[in-house]
Amino acid sequence: MKADRTTDPRHTRLRERLETIRARSAKSTPWRTSTQYLARLVNRDGYVPVRTRLAREDLAFLAGARDEVLALAELGVRILDLHRPQEAGGITSDPDSPIRRCRACMWRWPCPTFRALDESLD
């Protein structure tokens, strides 16, 4: 009997990890505007001497951000490798544009998984 994805402990563990990353990211301070200013302060050694006040949430985010971003990027690449187009075969009215389907889920291309990735990273 196939386990329901909501009761599968692997599904639960992955969802919890992703939700934790999302929550920690949302609570941390965005640095986008600060990095434009800080980029001009790079010294001869390639470093920016920074003195700032960090909140507890910022430290929690920064502590695991690199590893979490690497893991999420790897996940995205693996999903992208799974969900790619292939010719569906069969007869088509336009031989120059054959019908394509996803290799993994067999939905018409682009499949919902690919569209979700594309929209999230756009």
N, C-alpha and C. Protein backbone atom coordinates (compact mmCIF):
# COMPACT_ATOMS: atom_id res chain seq x y z
N MET A 1 0.83 -1.18 0.00
CA MET A 1 0.00 0.00 0.00
C MET A 1 0.88 1.25 0.00
N LYS A 2 0.61 2.19 -0.91
CA LYS A 2 1.39 3.41 -1.03
C LYS A 2 1.04 4.37 0.10
N ALA A 3 2.07 4.93 0.73
CA ALA A 3 1.84 5.86 1.84
C ALA A 3 1.36 7.21 1.32
N ASP A 4 0.41 7.78 2.00
CA ASP A 4 -0.07 9.12 1.68
C ASP A 4 1.08 10.09 1.96
N ARG A 5 1.28 11.07 1.09
CA ARG A 5 2.41 11.98 1.26
C ARG A 5 2.32 12.80 2.53
N THR A 6 1.12 13.00 3.06
CA THR A 6 0.99 13.78 4.29
C THR A 6 1.36 12.95 5.51
N THR A 7 1.37 11.62 5.40
CA THR A 7 1.75 10.79 6.54
C THR A 7 3.15 10.20 6.35
N ASP A 8 3.75 10.39 5.19
CA ASP A 8 5.09 9.89 4.93
C ASP A 8 6.08 10.71 5.76
N PRO A 9 6.85 10.08 6.65
CA PRO A 9 7.77 10.84 7.51
C PRO A 9 8.83 11.60 6.71
N ARG A 10 9.22 11.10 5.55
CA ARG A 10 10.20 11.82 4.72
C ARG A 10 9.60 13.11 4.19
N HIS A 11 8.35 13.03 3.77
CA HIS A 11 7.65 14.24 3.29
C HIS A 11 7.53 15.26 4.41
N THR A 12 7.14 14.78 5.59
CA THR A 12 6.98 15.65 6.74
C THR A 12 8.31 16.32 7.10
N ARG A 13 9.39 15.54 7.11
CA ARG A 13 10.72 16.07 7.45
C ARG A 13 11.17 17.12 6.45
N LEU A 14 11.00 16.86 5.16
CA LEU A 14 11.40 17.82 4.14
C LEU A 14 10.56 19.10 4.22
N ARG A 15 9.25 18.94 4.40
CA ARG A 15 8.38 20.11 4.50
C ARG A 15 8.79 20.96 5.70
N GLU A 16 9.05 20.33 6.84
CA GLU A 16 9.45 21.07 8.04
C GLU A 16 10.76 21.81 7.81
N ARG A 17 11.71 21.16 7.16
CA ARG A 17 13.00 21.81 6.90
C ARG A 17 12.82 23.02 5.99
N LEU A 18 12.03 22.86 4.92
CA LEU A 18 11.80 23.98 4.01
C LEU A 18 11.04 25.11 4.69
N GLU A 19 10.06 24.77 5.51
CA GLU A 19 9.30 25.80 6.23
C GLU A 19 10.20 26.54 7.23
N THR A 20 11.12 25.82 7.86
CA THR A 20 12.06 26.45 8.80
C THR A 20 12.97 27.43 8.06
N ILE A 21 13.48 27.02 6.91
CA ILE A 21 14.33 27.90 6.11
C ILE A 21 13.55 29.14 5.70
N ARG A 22 12.32 28.94 5.24
CA ARG A 22 11.50 30.07 4.81
C ARG A 22 11.23 31.02 5.98
N ALA A 23 10.87 30.49 7.13
CA ALA A 23 10.56 31.33 8.29
C ALA A 23 11.80 32.09 8.76
N ARG A 24 12.94 31.40 8.83
CA ARG A 24 14.18 32.05 9.27
C ARG A 24 14.59 33.14 8.28
N SER A 25 14.41 32.88 7.00
CA SER A 25 14.73 33.88 5.98
C SER A 25 13.83 35.10 6.09
N ALA A 26 12.54 34.86 6.30
CA ALA A 26 11.58 35.97 6.39
C ALA A 26 11.84 36.86 7.61
N LYS A 27 12.33 36.28 8.69
CA LYS A 27 12.58 37.04 9.91
C LYS A 27 13.88 37.83 9.86
N SER A 28 14.82 37.42 9.01
CA SER A 28 16.11 38.10 8.97
C SER A 28 16.00 39.42 8.21
N THR A 29 16.98 40.26 8.42
CA THR A 29 17.00 41.59 7.79
C THR A 29 17.49 41.48 6.35
N PRO A 30 16.79 42.07 5.39
CA PRO A 30 17.28 42.07 4.02
C PRO A 30 18.50 42.99 3.89
N TRP A 31 19.52 42.54 3.18
CA TRP A 31 20.76 43.29 3.04
C TRP A 31 20.95 43.86 1.65
N ARG A 32 19.98 43.73 0.77
CA ARG A 32 20.16 44.14 -0.63
C ARG A 32 20.63 45.59 -0.76
N THR A 33 20.00 46.53 -0.09
CA THR A 33 20.40 47.93 -0.23
C THR A 33 21.74 48.19 0.46
N SER A 34 22.00 47.49 1.54
CA SER A 34 23.26 47.68 2.26
C SER A 34 24.45 47.17 1.46
N THR A 35 24.26 46.11 0.70
CA THR A 35 25.40 45.54 -0.04
C THR A 35 25.90 46.48 -1.13
N GLN A 36 25.02 47.31 -1.69
CA GLN A 36 25.49 48.28 -2.69
C GLN A 36 26.45 49.27 -2.05
N TYR A 37 26.14 49.73 -0.87
CA TYR A 37 27.02 50.63 -0.14
C TYR A 37 28.28 49.91 0.32
N LEU A 38 28.12 48.72 0.88
CA LEU A 38 29.26 47.98 1.41
C LEU A 38 30.26 47.57 0.33
N ALA A 39 29.79 47.34 -0.89
CA ALA A 39 30.69 46.95 -1.98
C ALA A 39 31.73 48.02 -2.25
N ARG A 40 31.41 49.27 -1.99
CA ARG A 40 32.37 50.35 -2.21
C ARG A 40 33.42 50.42 -1.11
N LEU A 41 33.22 49.68 -0.02
CA LEU A 41 34.14 49.73 1.12
C LEU A 41 35.15 48.58 1.14
N VAL A 42 35.20 47.78 0.09
CA VAL A 42 36.14 46.65 0.05
C VAL A 42 37.56 47.20 0.11
N ASN A 43 38.37 46.68 1.05
CA ASN A 43 39.75 47.15 1.20
C ASN A 43 40.71 46.38 0.28
N ARG A 44 42.01 46.66 0.38
CA ARG A 44 43.01 46.02 -0.49
C ARG A 44 43.06 44.51 -0.31
N ASP A 45 42.69 44.03 0.86
CA ASP A 45 42.70 42.59 1.12
C ASP A 45 41.43 41.90 0.65
N GLY A 46 40.48 42.67 0.12
CA GLY A 46 39.24 42.09 -0.39
C GLY A 46 38.16 41.94 0.66
N TYR A 47 38.30 42.64 1.78
CA TYR A 47 37.32 42.54 2.86
C TYR A 47 36.68 43.89 3.13
N VAL A 48 35.50 43.84 3.73
CA VAL A 48 34.81 45.05 4.16
C VAL A 48 34.77 45.04 5.68
N PRO A 49 35.46 45.98 6.32
CA PRO A 49 35.37 46.04 7.78
C PRO A 49 34.00 46.60 8.17
N VAL A 50 33.20 45.76 8.79
CA VAL A 50 31.82 46.13 9.10
C VAL A 50 31.59 46.09 10.60
N ARG A 51 30.92 47.10 11.06
CA ARG A 51 30.46 47.12 12.45
C ARG A 51 28.95 47.33 12.37
N THR A 52 28.24 46.35 12.85
CA THR A 52 26.78 46.44 12.77
C THR A 52 26.15 45.73 13.94
N ARG A 53 24.89 45.99 14.15
CA ARG A 53 24.14 45.31 15.19
C ARG A 53 23.25 44.28 14.49
N LEU A 54 23.41 43.04 14.89
CA LEU A 54 22.63 41.96 14.31
C LEU A 54 21.62 41.44 15.33
N ALA A 55 20.43 41.23 14.87
CA ALA A 55 19.39 40.65 15.73
C ALA A 55 19.63 39.14 15.84
N ARG A 56 19.04 38.54 16.84
CA ARG A 56 19.14 37.10 17.04
C ARG A 56 18.68 36.34 15.80
N GLU A 57 17.60 36.83 15.15
CA GLU A 57 17.09 36.19 13.93
C GLU A 57 18.09 36.26 12.79
N ASP A 58 18.81 37.40 12.69
CA ASP A 58 19.84 37.53 11.65
C ASP A 58 20.96 36.52 11.85
N LEU A 59 21.39 36.35 13.09
CA LEU A 59 22.46 35.39 13.37
C LEU A 59 22.01 33.96 13.08
N ALA A 60 20.78 33.64 13.44
CA ALA A 60 20.26 32.29 13.17
C ALA A 60 20.22 32.04 11.67
N PHE A 61 19.81 33.05 10.92
CA PHE A 61 19.76 32.91 9.46
C PHE A 61 21.17 32.76 8.88
N LEU A 62 22.07 33.63 9.27
CA LEU A 62 23.42 33.62 8.71
C LEU A 62 24.18 32.35 9.07
N ALA A 63 23.89 31.78 10.23
CA ALA A 63 24.61 30.58 10.67
C ALA A 63 24.43 29.41 9.70
N GLY A 64 23.25 29.27 9.12
CA GLY A 64 23.02 28.13 8.24
C GLY A 64 22.71 28.50 6.80
N ALA A 65 22.76 29.79 6.48
CA ALA A 65 22.32 30.24 5.15
C ALA A 65 23.10 29.60 4.01
N ARG A 66 24.40 29.54 4.11
CA ARG A 66 25.20 29.00 3.01
C ARG A 66 24.84 27.54 2.74
N ASP A 67 24.80 26.73 3.79
CA ASP A 67 24.48 25.31 3.61
C ASP A 67 23.05 25.12 3.11
N GLU A 68 22.12 25.93 3.60
CA GLU A 68 20.74 25.81 3.18
C GLU A 68 20.55 26.23 1.72
N VAL A 69 21.23 27.29 1.30
CA VAL A 69 21.14 27.72 -0.09
C VAL A 69 21.75 26.67 -1.01
N LEU A 70 22.88 26.09 -0.61
CA LEU A 70 23.48 25.02 -1.41
C LEU A 70 22.55 23.82 -1.53
N ALA A 71 21.92 23.44 -0.42
CA ALA A 71 21.00 22.29 -0.45
C ALA A 71 19.78 22.59 -1.33
N LEU A 72 19.24 23.80 -1.22
CA LEU A 72 18.08 24.16 -2.03
C LEU A 72 18.45 24.25 -3.52
N ALA A 73 19.65 24.76 -3.82
CA ALA A 73 20.08 24.81 -5.22
C ALA A 73 20.26 23.41 -5.78
N GLU A 74 20.82 22.52 -5.00
CA GLU A 74 20.98 21.13 -5.43
C GLU A 74 19.62 20.48 -5.67
N LEU A 75 18.69 20.73 -4.77
CA LEU A 75 17.33 20.22 -4.92
C LEU A 75 16.70 20.74 -6.22
N GLY A 76 16.84 22.04 -6.46
CA GLY A 76 16.30 22.63 -7.67
C GLY A 76 16.89 22.02 -8.93
N VAL A 77 18.20 21.81 -8.94
CA VAL A 77 18.86 21.21 -10.10
C VAL A 77 18.37 19.78 -10.31
N ARG A 78 18.23 19.02 -9.24
CA ARG A 78 17.75 17.64 -9.37
C ARG A 78 16.32 17.59 -9.88
N ILE A 79 15.47 18.47 -9.38
CA ILE A 79 14.09 18.53 -9.87
C ILE A 79 14.06 18.92 -11.33
N LEU A 80 14.88 19.90 -11.70
CA LEU A 80 14.95 20.34 -13.09
C LEU A 80 15.44 19.21 -14.00
N ASP A 81 16.40 18.43 -13.52
CA ASP A 81 16.89 17.29 -14.31
C ASP A 81 15.80 16.23 -14.50
N LEU A 82 14.95 16.06 -13.51
CA LEU A 82 13.86 15.09 -13.62
C LEU A 82 12.75 15.59 -14.54
N HIS A 83 12.40 16.85 -14.40
CA HIS A 83 11.27 17.42 -15.15
C HIS A 83 11.79 18.19 -16.35
N ARG A 84 11.98 17.46 -17.43
CA ARG A 84 12.44 18.06 -18.68
C ARG A 84 11.61 17.50 -19.83
N PRO A 85 11.59 18.19 -20.94
CA PRO A 85 10.70 17.78 -22.03
C PRO A 85 11.23 16.60 -22.83
N GLN A 86 10.30 15.89 -23.40
CA GLN A 86 10.60 14.85 -24.39
C GLN A 86 9.47 14.85 -25.40
N GLU A 87 9.76 14.41 -26.60
CA GLU A 87 8.71 14.32 -27.60
C GLU A 87 7.71 13.26 -27.18
N ALA A 88 6.44 13.59 -27.32
CA ALA A 88 5.38 12.68 -26.89
C ALA A 88 5.09 11.62 -27.92
N GLY A 89 5.58 11.82 -29.13
CA GLY A 89 5.28 10.87 -30.19
C GLY A 89 3.86 11.07 -30.69
N GLY A 90 3.45 10.22 -31.55
CA GLY A 90 2.08 10.33 -32.08
C GLY A 90 2.02 11.28 -33.26
N ILE A 91 0.85 11.43 -33.76
CA ILE A 91 0.61 12.26 -34.94
C ILE A 91 0.24 13.66 -34.48
N THR A 92 0.80 14.64 -35.16
CA THR A 92 0.51 16.03 -34.85
C THR A 92 0.19 16.77 -36.14
N SER A 93 -0.59 17.82 -36.02
CA SER A 93 -0.95 18.60 -37.20
C SER A 93 0.18 19.55 -37.60
N ASP A 94 1.14 19.78 -36.70
CA ASP A 94 2.26 20.67 -36.99
C ASP A 94 3.57 19.92 -36.76
N PRO A 95 4.15 19.31 -37.79
CA PRO A 95 5.38 18.53 -37.61
C PRO A 95 6.56 19.35 -37.12
N ASP A 96 6.53 20.67 -37.32
CA ASP A 96 7.62 21.52 -36.84
C ASP A 96 7.53 21.80 -35.34
N SER A 97 6.37 21.57 -34.75
CA SER A 97 6.17 21.75 -33.31
C SER A 97 5.51 20.51 -32.73
N PRO A 98 6.28 19.45 -32.53
CA PRO A 98 5.67 18.23 -31.99
C PRO A 98 5.22 18.44 -30.54
N ILE A 99 4.24 17.67 -30.14
CA ILE A 99 3.76 17.72 -28.75
C ILE A 99 4.86 17.16 -27.87
N ARG A 100 5.13 17.89 -26.78
CA ARG A 100 6.15 17.44 -25.84
C ARG A 100 5.52 17.21 -24.49
N ARG A 101 6.06 16.23 -23.76
CA ARG A 101 5.60 15.91 -22.41
C ARG A 101 6.81 15.87 -21.49
N CYS A 102 6.53 16.02 -20.19
CA CYS A 102 7.58 15.94 -19.18
C CYS A 102 8.02 14.49 -19.02
N ARG A 103 9.32 14.27 -18.94
CA ARG A 103 9.85 12.91 -18.77
C ARG A 103 9.43 12.29 -17.44
N ALA A 104 9.24 13.09 -16.41
CA ALA A 104 8.96 12.55 -15.08
C ALA A 104 7.47 12.36 -14.83
N CYS A 105 6.67 13.39 -15.10
CA CYS A 105 5.25 13.31 -14.73
C CYS A 105 4.32 13.12 -15.92
N MET A 106 4.85 13.23 -17.12
CA MET A 106 4.12 13.02 -18.37
C MET A 106 3.04 14.07 -18.65
N TRP A 107 3.02 15.17 -17.92
CA TRP A 107 2.14 16.28 -18.25
C TRP A 107 2.65 16.94 -19.52
N ARG A 108 1.77 17.66 -20.21
CA ARG A 108 2.21 18.43 -21.37
C ARG A 108 3.24 19.45 -20.93
N TRP A 109 4.22 19.66 -21.79
CA TRP A 109 5.31 20.58 -21.47
C TRP A 109 4.90 22.02 -21.74
N PRO A 110 5.22 22.94 -20.85
CA PRO A 110 5.93 22.77 -19.59
C PRO A 110 5.00 22.26 -18.49
N CYS A 111 5.49 21.31 -17.72
CA CYS A 111 4.67 20.68 -16.68
C CYS A 111 4.52 21.62 -15.48
N PRO A 112 3.57 21.35 -14.59
CA PRO A 112 3.36 22.21 -13.42
C PRO A 112 4.61 22.35 -12.54
N THR A 113 5.40 21.30 -12.42
CA THR A 113 6.61 21.37 -11.59
C THR A 113 7.61 22.34 -12.20
N PHE A 114 7.83 22.24 -13.50
CA PHE A 114 8.75 23.15 -14.17
C PHE A 114 8.24 24.58 -14.08
N ARG A 115 6.93 24.79 -14.28
CA ARG A 115 6.37 26.14 -14.20
C ARG A 115 6.54 26.72 -12.79
N ALA A 116 6.34 25.89 -11.78
CA ALA A 116 6.51 26.36 -10.39
C ALA A 116 7.95 26.79 -10.14
N LEU A 117 8.92 26.00 -10.60
CA LEU A 117 10.32 26.38 -10.45
C LEU A 117 10.61 27.67 -11.21
N ASP A 118 10.13 27.75 -12.42
CA ASP A 118 10.37 28.92 -13.26
C ASP A 118 9.79 30.17 -12.62
N GLU A 119 8.56 30.08 -12.11
CA GLU A 119 7.92 31.24 -11.47
C GLU A 119 8.62 31.63 -10.18
N SER A 120 9.07 30.64 -9.40
CA SER A 120 9.73 30.91 -8.13
C SER A 120 11.08 31.61 -8.31
N LEU A 121 11.77 31.27 -9.36
CA LEU A 121 13.10 31.80 -9.58
C LEU A 121 13.13 32.97 -10.56
N ASP A 122 11.98 33.35 -11.08
CA ASP A 122 11.92 34.45 -12.04
C ASP A 122 12.11 35.78 -11.37
